[in-house]
N, C-alpha and C. Protein backbone atom coordinates (compact mmCIF):
# COMPACT_ATOMS: atom_id res chain seq x y z
N UNK A 1 -13.87 7.91 7.84
CA UNK A 1 -14.17 6.67 8.52
C UNK A 1 -13.08 5.64 8.21
N UNK A 2 -12.74 4.81 9.17
CA UNK A 2 -11.75 3.76 8.90
C UNK A 2 -12.27 2.79 7.85
N UNK A 3 -11.34 2.20 7.14
CA UNK A 3 -11.70 1.19 6.14
C UNK A 3 -12.27 -0.04 6.84
N UNK A 4 -13.14 -0.75 6.14
CA UNK A 4 -13.76 -1.95 6.70
C UNK A 4 -12.82 -3.15 6.60
N UNK A 5 -13.10 -4.16 7.42
CA UNK A 5 -12.34 -5.40 7.35
C UNK A 5 -12.52 -6.07 5.99
N UNK A 6 -13.71 -5.92 5.40
CA UNK A 6 -13.96 -6.49 4.06
C UNK A 6 -13.04 -5.86 3.03
N UNK A 7 -12.85 -4.54 3.12
CA UNK A 7 -11.92 -3.87 2.20
C UNK A 7 -10.50 -4.33 2.45
N UNK A 8 -10.12 -4.46 3.71
CA UNK A 8 -8.78 -4.95 4.05
C UNK A 8 -8.51 -6.31 3.43
N UNK A 9 -9.48 -7.21 3.53
CA UNK A 9 -9.32 -8.55 2.95
C UNK A 9 -9.18 -8.49 1.44
N UNK A 10 -9.98 -7.65 0.79
CA UNK A 10 -9.90 -7.51 -0.67
C UNK A 10 -8.55 -6.94 -1.10
N UNK A 11 -8.01 -6.03 -0.31
CA UNK A 11 -6.72 -5.40 -0.63
C UNK A 11 -5.56 -6.39 -0.62
N UNK A 12 -5.62 -7.39 0.24
CA UNK A 12 -4.45 -8.26 0.43
C UNK A 12 -4.67 -9.70 -0.01
N UNK A 13 -5.80 -10.01 -0.62
CA UNK A 13 -6.10 -11.41 -0.94
C UNK A 13 -5.10 -12.04 -1.89
N UNK A 14 -4.39 -11.24 -2.68
CA UNK A 14 -3.41 -11.76 -3.64
C UNK A 14 -2.05 -12.05 -3.01
N UNK A 15 -1.83 -11.62 -1.78
CA UNK A 15 -0.52 -11.76 -1.13
C UNK A 15 -0.42 -13.12 -0.46
N UNK A 16 0.61 -13.88 -0.81
CA UNK A 16 0.81 -15.21 -0.26
C UNK A 16 1.37 -15.14 1.15
N UNK A 17 0.94 -16.06 1.98
CA UNK A 17 1.40 -16.09 3.37
C UNK A 17 2.88 -16.41 3.48
N UNK A 18 3.46 -17.01 2.44
CA UNK A 18 4.89 -17.34 2.49
C UNK A 18 5.78 -16.20 2.00
N UNK A 19 5.20 -15.02 1.80
CA UNK A 19 6.00 -13.85 1.43
C UNK A 19 6.89 -13.49 2.62
N UNK A 20 8.20 -13.54 2.41
CA UNK A 20 9.14 -13.32 3.51
C UNK A 20 9.85 -11.98 3.47
N UNK A 21 9.77 -11.27 2.35
CA UNK A 21 10.45 -9.99 2.23
C UNK A 21 9.61 -8.87 2.80
N UNK A 22 10.16 -7.67 2.78
CA UNK A 22 9.43 -6.52 3.34
C UNK A 22 8.23 -6.13 2.48
N UNK A 23 7.20 -5.72 3.16
CA UNK A 23 5.98 -5.22 2.51
C UNK A 23 5.79 -3.78 2.96
N UNK A 24 5.60 -2.91 1.99
CA UNK A 24 5.42 -1.48 2.24
C UNK A 24 3.93 -1.16 2.27
N UNK A 25 3.50 -0.48 3.32
CA UNK A 25 2.13 0.00 3.37
C UNK A 25 2.17 1.52 3.43
N UNK A 26 1.55 2.15 2.45
CA UNK A 26 1.48 3.60 2.38
C UNK A 26 0.14 4.07 2.91
N UNK A 27 0.15 4.96 3.89
CA UNK A 27 -1.08 5.49 4.45
C UNK A 27 -1.89 4.46 5.22
N UNK A 28 -1.29 3.79 6.20
CA UNK A 28 -2.02 2.76 6.94
C UNK A 28 -3.15 3.28 7.84
N UNK A 29 -3.14 4.56 8.15
CA UNK A 29 -4.23 5.11 8.96
C UNK A 29 -4.36 4.42 10.30
N UNK A 30 -5.51 3.79 10.53
CA UNK A 30 -5.75 3.10 11.81
C UNK A 30 -5.35 1.63 11.78
N UNK A 31 -4.85 1.14 10.63
CA UNK A 31 -4.30 -0.21 10.57
C UNK A 31 -5.21 -1.30 10.02
N UNK A 32 -6.28 -0.94 9.34
CA UNK A 32 -7.18 -1.96 8.79
C UNK A 32 -6.47 -2.89 7.82
N UNK A 33 -5.70 -2.32 6.88
CA UNK A 33 -5.00 -3.16 5.91
C UNK A 33 -3.85 -3.92 6.58
N UNK A 34 -3.25 -3.31 7.60
CA UNK A 34 -2.19 -3.96 8.36
C UNK A 34 -2.74 -5.22 9.03
N UNK A 35 -3.89 -5.10 9.65
CA UNK A 35 -4.52 -6.27 10.29
C UNK A 35 -4.83 -7.34 9.25
N UNK A 36 -5.28 -6.93 8.08
CA UNK A 36 -5.58 -7.89 7.01
C UNK A 36 -4.31 -8.61 6.57
N UNK A 37 -3.20 -7.90 6.50
CA UNK A 37 -1.92 -8.54 6.16
C UNK A 37 -1.54 -9.59 7.21
N UNK A 38 -1.74 -9.25 8.47
CA UNK A 38 -1.43 -10.20 9.54
C UNK A 38 -2.35 -11.42 9.46
N UNK A 39 -3.64 -11.20 9.19
CA UNK A 39 -4.58 -12.33 9.02
C UNK A 39 -4.19 -13.20 7.82
N UNK A 40 -3.55 -12.60 6.85
CA UNK A 40 -3.11 -13.31 5.64
C UNK A 40 -1.87 -14.17 5.94
N UNK A 41 -1.28 -13.98 7.11
CA UNK A 41 -0.12 -14.78 7.51
C UNK A 41 1.21 -14.08 7.35
N UNK A 42 1.19 -12.78 7.05
CA UNK A 42 2.42 -12.01 6.90
C UNK A 42 2.97 -11.70 8.29
N UNK A 43 4.27 -11.84 8.44
CA UNK A 43 4.92 -11.54 9.71
C UNK A 43 4.94 -10.03 9.97
N UNK A 44 4.56 -9.64 11.18
CA UNK A 44 4.53 -8.21 11.54
C UNK A 44 5.89 -7.57 11.35
N UNK A 45 6.96 -8.29 11.61
CA UNK A 45 8.31 -7.72 11.50
C UNK A 45 8.69 -7.39 10.04
N UNK A 46 7.93 -7.91 9.07
CA UNK A 46 8.21 -7.63 7.66
C UNK A 46 7.46 -6.41 7.14
N UNK A 47 6.67 -5.77 7.99
CA UNK A 47 5.85 -4.64 7.56
C UNK A 47 6.55 -3.31 7.79
N UNK A 48 6.53 -2.47 6.77
CA UNK A 48 7.04 -1.11 6.86
C UNK A 48 5.84 -0.20 6.59
N UNK A 49 5.41 0.51 7.62
CA UNK A 49 4.23 1.36 7.54
C UNK A 49 4.66 2.82 7.47
N UNK A 50 4.23 3.51 6.43
CA UNK A 50 4.58 4.91 6.23
C UNK A 50 3.30 5.74 6.37
N UNK A 51 3.25 6.51 7.45
CA UNK A 51 2.07 7.30 7.77
C UNK A 51 2.48 8.75 8.04
N UNK A 52 1.73 9.69 7.50
CA UNK A 52 2.05 11.10 7.65
C UNK A 52 1.53 11.69 8.96
N UNK A 53 0.45 11.15 9.50
CA UNK A 53 -0.16 11.68 10.71
C UNK A 53 0.54 11.15 11.97
N UNK A 54 1.07 12.05 12.76
CA UNK A 54 1.75 11.66 14.00
C UNK A 54 0.80 10.93 14.94
N UNK A 55 -0.47 11.34 14.98
CA UNK A 55 -1.45 10.68 15.85
C UNK A 55 -1.65 9.22 15.44
N UNK A 56 -1.78 8.99 14.13
CA UNK A 56 -1.93 7.62 13.66
C UNK A 56 -0.66 6.82 13.90
N UNK A 57 0.50 7.44 13.75
CA UNK A 57 1.76 6.74 14.00
C UNK A 57 1.80 6.22 15.44
N UNK A 58 1.40 7.04 16.39
CA UNK A 58 1.39 6.61 17.79
C UNK A 58 0.43 5.44 17.99
N UNK A 59 -0.73 5.52 17.37
CA UNK A 59 -1.72 4.44 17.45
C UNK A 59 -1.16 3.16 16.83
N UNK A 60 -0.55 3.27 15.67
CA UNK A 60 0.02 2.11 14.98
C UNK A 60 1.13 1.47 15.81
N UNK A 61 1.95 2.29 16.45
CA UNK A 61 3.04 1.74 17.28
C UNK A 61 2.49 0.94 18.45
N UNK A 62 1.34 1.34 18.96
CA UNK A 62 0.70 0.60 20.05
C UNK A 62 0.16 -0.74 19.54
N UNK A 63 -0.49 -0.72 18.38
CA UNK A 63 -1.10 -1.93 17.83
C UNK A 63 -0.12 -2.91 17.20
N UNK A 64 0.96 -2.37 16.60
CA UNK A 64 1.89 -3.20 15.82
C UNK A 64 3.34 -2.93 16.24
N UNK A 65 3.71 -3.31 17.45
CA UNK A 65 5.04 -2.96 17.97
C UNK A 65 6.21 -3.59 17.23
N UNK A 66 5.99 -4.67 16.49
CA UNK A 66 7.08 -5.34 15.77
C UNK A 66 7.28 -4.80 14.36
N UNK A 67 6.33 -4.00 13.88
CA UNK A 67 6.44 -3.43 12.53
C UNK A 67 7.36 -2.21 12.56
N UNK A 68 7.91 -1.88 11.41
CA UNK A 68 8.67 -0.64 11.26
C UNK A 68 7.66 0.44 10.87
N UNK A 69 7.50 1.43 11.75
CA UNK A 69 6.50 2.48 11.53
C UNK A 69 7.21 3.82 11.47
N UNK A 70 6.98 4.53 10.37
CA UNK A 70 7.70 5.77 10.13
C UNK A 70 6.71 6.90 9.85
N UNK A 71 6.94 8.04 10.46
CA UNK A 71 6.12 9.21 10.23
C UNK A 71 6.78 10.04 9.13
N UNK A 72 6.33 9.82 7.89
CA UNK A 72 6.87 10.53 6.73
C UNK A 72 5.79 10.67 5.68
N UNK A 73 6.03 11.55 4.76
CA UNK A 73 5.19 11.72 3.59
C UNK A 73 5.55 10.62 2.58
N UNK A 74 4.57 10.09 1.89
CA UNK A 74 4.81 9.01 0.92
C UNK A 74 5.76 9.44 -0.20
N UNK A 75 5.88 10.74 -0.43
CA UNK A 75 6.80 11.20 -1.47
C UNK A 75 8.26 10.95 -1.08
N UNK A 76 8.52 10.61 0.18
CA UNK A 76 9.87 10.36 0.67
C UNK A 76 10.20 8.87 0.73
N UNK A 77 9.46 8.05 0.02
CA UNK A 77 9.61 6.60 0.13
C UNK A 77 11.00 6.12 -0.30
N UNK A 78 11.60 6.72 -1.30
CA UNK A 78 12.93 6.29 -1.74
C UNK A 78 13.97 6.61 -0.67
N UNK A 79 13.92 7.80 -0.12
CA UNK A 79 14.84 8.18 0.95
C UNK A 79 14.64 7.27 2.16
N UNK A 80 13.40 6.99 2.49
CA UNK A 80 13.09 6.13 3.62
C UNK A 80 13.67 4.73 3.43
N UNK A 81 13.48 4.16 2.25
CA UNK A 81 13.99 2.80 2.01
C UNK A 81 15.51 2.78 2.08
N UNK A 82 16.16 3.85 1.60
CA UNK A 82 17.62 3.95 1.73
C UNK A 82 18.03 3.98 3.20
N UNK A 83 17.33 4.78 4.00
CA UNK A 83 17.63 4.88 5.43
C UNK A 83 17.46 3.54 6.14
N UNK A 84 16.47 2.76 5.70
CA UNK A 84 16.21 1.46 6.32
C UNK A 84 17.08 0.34 5.73
N UNK A 85 17.80 0.64 4.65
CA UNK A 85 18.63 -0.37 4.01
C UNK A 85 17.81 -1.39 3.23
N UNK A 86 16.64 -0.99 2.77
CA UNK A 86 15.78 -1.89 1.99
C UNK A 86 15.90 -1.53 0.51
N UNK A 87 16.34 -2.50 -0.27
CA UNK A 87 16.53 -2.27 -1.71
C UNK A 87 15.25 -2.45 -2.50
N UNK A 88 14.39 -3.39 -2.05
CA UNK A 88 13.15 -3.62 -2.75
C UNK A 88 12.10 -4.20 -1.80
N UNK A 89 10.85 -3.99 -2.17
CA UNK A 89 9.72 -4.52 -1.40
C UNK A 89 9.04 -5.62 -2.20
N UNK A 90 8.58 -6.64 -1.50
CA UNK A 90 7.87 -7.74 -2.17
C UNK A 90 6.50 -7.28 -2.66
N UNK A 91 5.84 -6.45 -1.86
CA UNK A 91 4.50 -5.97 -2.18
C UNK A 91 4.35 -4.55 -1.65
N UNK A 92 3.45 -3.79 -2.26
CA UNK A 92 3.10 -2.45 -1.77
C UNK A 92 1.58 -2.39 -1.67
N UNK A 93 1.10 -1.98 -0.50
CA UNK A 93 -0.32 -1.83 -0.24
C UNK A 93 -0.55 -0.35 0.07
N UNK A 94 -1.44 0.28 -0.69
CA UNK A 94 -1.64 1.72 -0.53
C UNK A 94 -3.07 2.09 -0.18
N UNK A 95 -3.19 2.78 0.94
CA UNK A 95 -4.46 3.36 1.35
C UNK A 95 -4.48 4.86 1.11
N UNK A 96 -3.47 5.35 0.38
CA UNK A 96 -3.41 6.79 0.09
C UNK A 96 -4.61 7.22 -0.76
N UNK A 97 -5.14 8.39 -0.50
CA UNK A 97 -6.25 8.89 -1.33
C UNK A 97 -5.71 9.50 -2.63
N UNK A 98 -5.18 8.65 -3.50
CA UNK A 98 -4.50 9.13 -4.70
C UNK A 98 -5.38 10.02 -5.58
N UNK A 99 -6.67 9.72 -5.65
CA UNK A 99 -7.54 10.55 -6.48
C UNK A 99 -7.69 11.96 -5.94
N UNK A 100 -7.37 12.16 -4.67
CA UNK A 100 -7.46 13.50 -4.07
C UNK A 100 -6.13 14.25 -4.12
N UNK A 101 -5.11 13.60 -4.66
CA UNK A 101 -3.77 14.19 -4.77
C UNK A 101 -3.59 14.67 -6.20
N UNK A 102 -2.94 15.82 -6.37
CA UNK A 102 -2.77 16.32 -7.74
C UNK A 102 -1.96 15.31 -8.59
N UNK A 103 -2.18 15.37 -9.89
CA UNK A 103 -1.67 14.35 -10.80
C UNK A 103 -0.14 14.20 -10.74
N UNK A 104 0.58 15.30 -10.67
CA UNK A 104 2.05 15.21 -10.63
C UNK A 104 2.54 14.52 -9.37
N UNK A 105 1.96 14.84 -8.22
CA UNK A 105 2.37 14.19 -6.98
C UNK A 105 1.97 12.71 -7.00
N UNK A 106 0.79 12.41 -7.52
CA UNK A 106 0.34 11.02 -7.64
C UNK A 106 1.31 10.23 -8.50
N UNK A 107 1.68 10.81 -9.65
CA UNK A 107 2.63 10.16 -10.56
C UNK A 107 3.98 9.94 -9.86
N UNK A 108 4.45 10.95 -9.14
CA UNK A 108 5.73 10.85 -8.44
C UNK A 108 5.71 9.73 -7.40
N UNK A 109 4.68 9.71 -6.56
CA UNK A 109 4.57 8.68 -5.51
C UNK A 109 4.54 7.29 -6.14
N UNK A 110 3.75 7.12 -7.18
CA UNK A 110 3.62 5.81 -7.81
C UNK A 110 4.91 5.39 -8.51
N UNK A 111 5.56 6.30 -9.23
CA UNK A 111 6.84 5.98 -9.88
C UNK A 111 7.90 5.59 -8.87
N UNK A 112 8.03 6.36 -7.79
CA UNK A 112 9.02 6.05 -6.76
C UNK A 112 8.72 4.70 -6.12
N UNK A 113 7.47 4.42 -5.89
CA UNK A 113 7.08 3.14 -5.30
C UNK A 113 7.42 1.99 -6.23
N UNK A 114 7.12 2.13 -7.53
CA UNK A 114 7.43 1.06 -8.48
C UNK A 114 8.93 0.80 -8.57
N UNK A 115 9.74 1.83 -8.42
CA UNK A 115 11.20 1.63 -8.44
C UNK A 115 11.64 0.69 -7.34
N UNK A 116 10.90 0.68 -6.24
CA UNK A 116 11.26 -0.13 -5.07
C UNK A 116 10.57 -1.49 -5.05
N UNK A 117 9.69 -1.74 -6.00
CA UNK A 117 8.93 -2.98 -6.04
C UNK A 117 9.69 -4.04 -6.82
N UNK A 118 9.83 -5.21 -6.23
CA UNK A 118 10.56 -6.28 -6.93
C UNK A 118 9.75 -6.78 -8.10
N UNK A 119 10.42 -7.30 -9.14
CA UNK A 119 9.70 -7.90 -10.26
C UNK A 119 8.78 -9.01 -9.76
N UNK A 120 7.56 -9.01 -10.25
CA UNK A 120 6.57 -9.99 -9.80
C UNK A 120 5.72 -9.49 -8.65
N UNK A 121 6.17 -8.42 -8.00
CA UNK A 121 5.42 -7.84 -6.89
C UNK A 121 4.29 -6.96 -7.40
N UNK A 122 3.39 -6.62 -6.50
CA UNK A 122 2.23 -5.82 -6.87
C UNK A 122 2.13 -4.55 -6.05
N UNK A 123 1.59 -3.53 -6.69
CA UNK A 123 1.20 -2.28 -6.04
C UNK A 123 -0.32 -2.32 -6.04
N UNK A 124 -0.93 -2.47 -4.87
CA UNK A 124 -2.38 -2.56 -4.78
C UNK A 124 -2.91 -1.25 -4.18
N UNK A 125 -3.98 -0.74 -4.78
CA UNK A 125 -4.47 0.60 -4.44
C UNK A 125 -5.99 0.59 -4.30
N UNK A 126 -6.47 1.25 -3.24
CA UNK A 126 -7.90 1.44 -3.07
C UNK A 126 -8.31 2.73 -3.78
N UNK A 127 -9.53 2.73 -4.31
CA UNK A 127 -10.08 3.91 -4.95
C UNK A 127 -11.56 4.00 -4.58
N UNK A 128 -12.04 5.19 -4.39
CA UNK A 128 -13.46 5.37 -4.09
C UNK A 128 -14.23 5.81 -5.33
N UNK A 129 -13.57 5.69 -6.47
CA UNK A 129 -14.18 5.91 -7.77
C UNK A 129 -13.97 4.62 -8.58
N UNK A 130 -14.84 4.34 -9.53
CA UNK A 130 -14.69 3.09 -10.30
C UNK A 130 -13.62 3.16 -11.38
N UNK A 131 -12.47 3.74 -11.04
CA UNK A 131 -11.33 3.76 -11.96
C UNK A 131 -10.04 3.66 -11.15
N UNK A 132 -9.03 3.12 -11.77
CA UNK A 132 -7.74 2.95 -11.11
C UNK A 132 -7.07 4.31 -10.93
N UNK A 133 -6.59 4.58 -9.73
CA UNK A 133 -5.95 5.87 -9.46
C UNK A 133 -4.44 5.83 -9.65
N UNK A 134 -3.89 4.66 -10.00
CA UNK A 134 -2.48 4.59 -10.39
C UNK A 134 -2.43 5.06 -11.84
N UNK A 135 -1.69 6.13 -12.13
CA UNK A 135 -1.70 6.66 -13.51
C UNK A 135 -1.29 5.61 -14.55
N UNK A 136 -2.01 5.59 -15.66
CA UNK A 136 -1.73 4.62 -16.73
C UNK A 136 -0.31 4.74 -17.26
N UNK A 137 0.23 5.97 -17.35
CA UNK A 137 1.59 6.11 -17.86
C UNK A 137 2.61 5.51 -16.90
N UNK A 138 2.32 5.53 -15.61
CA UNK A 138 3.21 4.90 -14.62
C UNK A 138 3.16 3.39 -14.79
N UNK A 139 1.96 2.86 -14.99
CA UNK A 139 1.80 1.41 -15.17
C UNK A 139 2.57 0.95 -16.41
N UNK A 140 2.41 1.65 -17.52
CA UNK A 140 3.10 1.23 -18.76
C UNK A 140 4.61 1.45 -18.65
N UNK A 141 5.03 2.56 -18.05
CA UNK A 141 6.47 2.84 -17.90
C UNK A 141 7.17 1.74 -17.09
N UNK A 142 6.46 1.17 -16.13
CA UNK A 142 7.04 0.16 -15.26
C UNK A 142 6.69 -1.26 -15.68
N UNK A 143 6.24 -1.40 -16.93
CA UNK A 143 5.90 -2.72 -17.49
C UNK A 143 5.03 -3.52 -16.53
N UNK A 144 4.02 -2.88 -16.01
CA UNK A 144 3.12 -3.54 -15.07
C UNK A 144 1.83 -3.92 -15.78
N UNK A 145 1.16 -4.88 -15.19
CA UNK A 145 -0.14 -5.30 -15.69
C UNK A 145 -1.20 -4.87 -14.69
N UNK A 146 -2.17 -4.11 -15.15
CA UNK A 146 -3.23 -3.61 -14.28
C UNK A 146 -4.37 -4.62 -14.22
N UNK A 147 -4.86 -4.86 -12.97
CA UNK A 147 -5.96 -5.79 -12.76
C UNK A 147 -6.98 -5.16 -11.83
N UNK A 148 -8.23 -5.35 -12.15
CA UNK A 148 -9.31 -4.93 -11.27
C UNK A 148 -9.57 -6.08 -10.31
N UNK A 149 -9.52 -5.80 -9.01
CA UNK A 149 -9.66 -6.85 -7.99
C UNK A 149 -11.08 -6.95 -7.44
N UNK A 150 -11.89 -5.92 -7.62
CA UNK A 150 -13.26 -5.98 -7.13
C UNK A 150 -13.67 -4.74 -6.37
N UNK A 151 -14.90 -4.77 -5.92
CA UNK A 151 -15.49 -3.68 -5.16
C UNK A 151 -16.10 -4.27 -3.90
N UNK A 152 -16.07 -3.52 -2.83
CA UNK A 152 -16.79 -3.93 -1.63
C UNK A 152 -17.78 -2.83 -1.25
N UNK A 153 -19.02 -3.26 -1.10
CA UNK A 153 -20.07 -2.35 -0.67
C UNK A 153 -20.19 -2.38 0.86
N UNK A 154 -19.38 -3.24 1.49
CA UNK A 154 -19.35 -3.33 2.95
C UNK A 154 -18.38 -2.29 3.51
N UNK A 155 -18.18 -1.24 2.78
CA UNK A 155 -17.31 -0.14 3.18
C UNK A 155 -18.08 1.15 2.91
N UNK A 156 -17.84 2.14 3.75
CA UNK A 156 -18.48 3.45 3.54
C UNK A 156 -17.38 4.46 3.29
N UNK A 157 -17.30 5.01 2.06
CA UNK A 157 -18.10 4.69 0.87
C UNK A 157 -17.65 3.37 0.25
N UNK A 158 -18.43 2.84 -0.70
CA UNK A 158 -17.98 1.64 -1.40
C UNK A 158 -16.59 1.86 -1.98
N UNK A 159 -15.79 0.80 -1.97
CA UNK A 159 -14.39 0.94 -2.39
C UNK A 159 -14.04 -0.06 -3.48
N UNK A 160 -13.27 0.42 -4.44
CA UNK A 160 -12.79 -0.37 -5.57
C UNK A 160 -11.30 -0.64 -5.35
N UNK A 161 -10.87 -1.82 -5.72
CA UNK A 161 -9.46 -2.20 -5.52
C UNK A 161 -8.84 -2.55 -6.87
N UNK A 162 -7.67 -1.96 -7.09
CA UNK A 162 -6.90 -2.18 -8.32
C UNK A 162 -5.49 -2.64 -7.94
N UNK A 163 -4.94 -3.46 -8.80
CA UNK A 163 -3.58 -3.98 -8.55
C UNK A 163 -2.78 -3.88 -9.83
N UNK A 164 -1.55 -3.39 -9.70
CA UNK A 164 -0.63 -3.34 -10.84
C UNK A 164 0.56 -4.22 -10.49
N UNK A 165 0.71 -5.31 -11.23
CA UNK A 165 1.79 -6.26 -10.98
C UNK A 165 2.96 -5.96 -11.89
N UNK A 166 4.13 -5.79 -11.28
CA UNK A 166 5.35 -5.50 -12.03
C UNK A 166 5.86 -6.77 -12.69
N UNK A 167 6.14 -6.66 -13.98
CA UNK A 167 6.64 -7.85 -14.71
C UNK A 167 8.13 -8.00 -14.51
């Protein structure tokens, strides 16, 4: 099921509307978090959406024509940013089901993402379990501070949101 608007709002509530740099969204699916970013005042042209499903990519291109939308696996985020000429992202919003991905791949995706996150930026992640799915060793390796942002029961299933801010 698509994520709820309530979850989208919880995912992006920490992002300031005056953020002018690129924002990376991993696993945007049908665009719930993307819409929340736009409601937050983020410019569509600053969004880089990385989606593995070709069907969702076509849908996203229809809904968000000014965003950069790429059909790739999240494990290719470093190569993708090089291809786009983006050295760092202001924020990263992830709808990836990290808890369903094996630990090594989860660690790889998160480490590569943190390499691209500017100091002071955040990697925000949804989880359907009451624990952060960003590996603790990745958080400590990248000198990030982990914060629990809350839970929304207005989502099926209920969703927990965690944020790791890079120092």
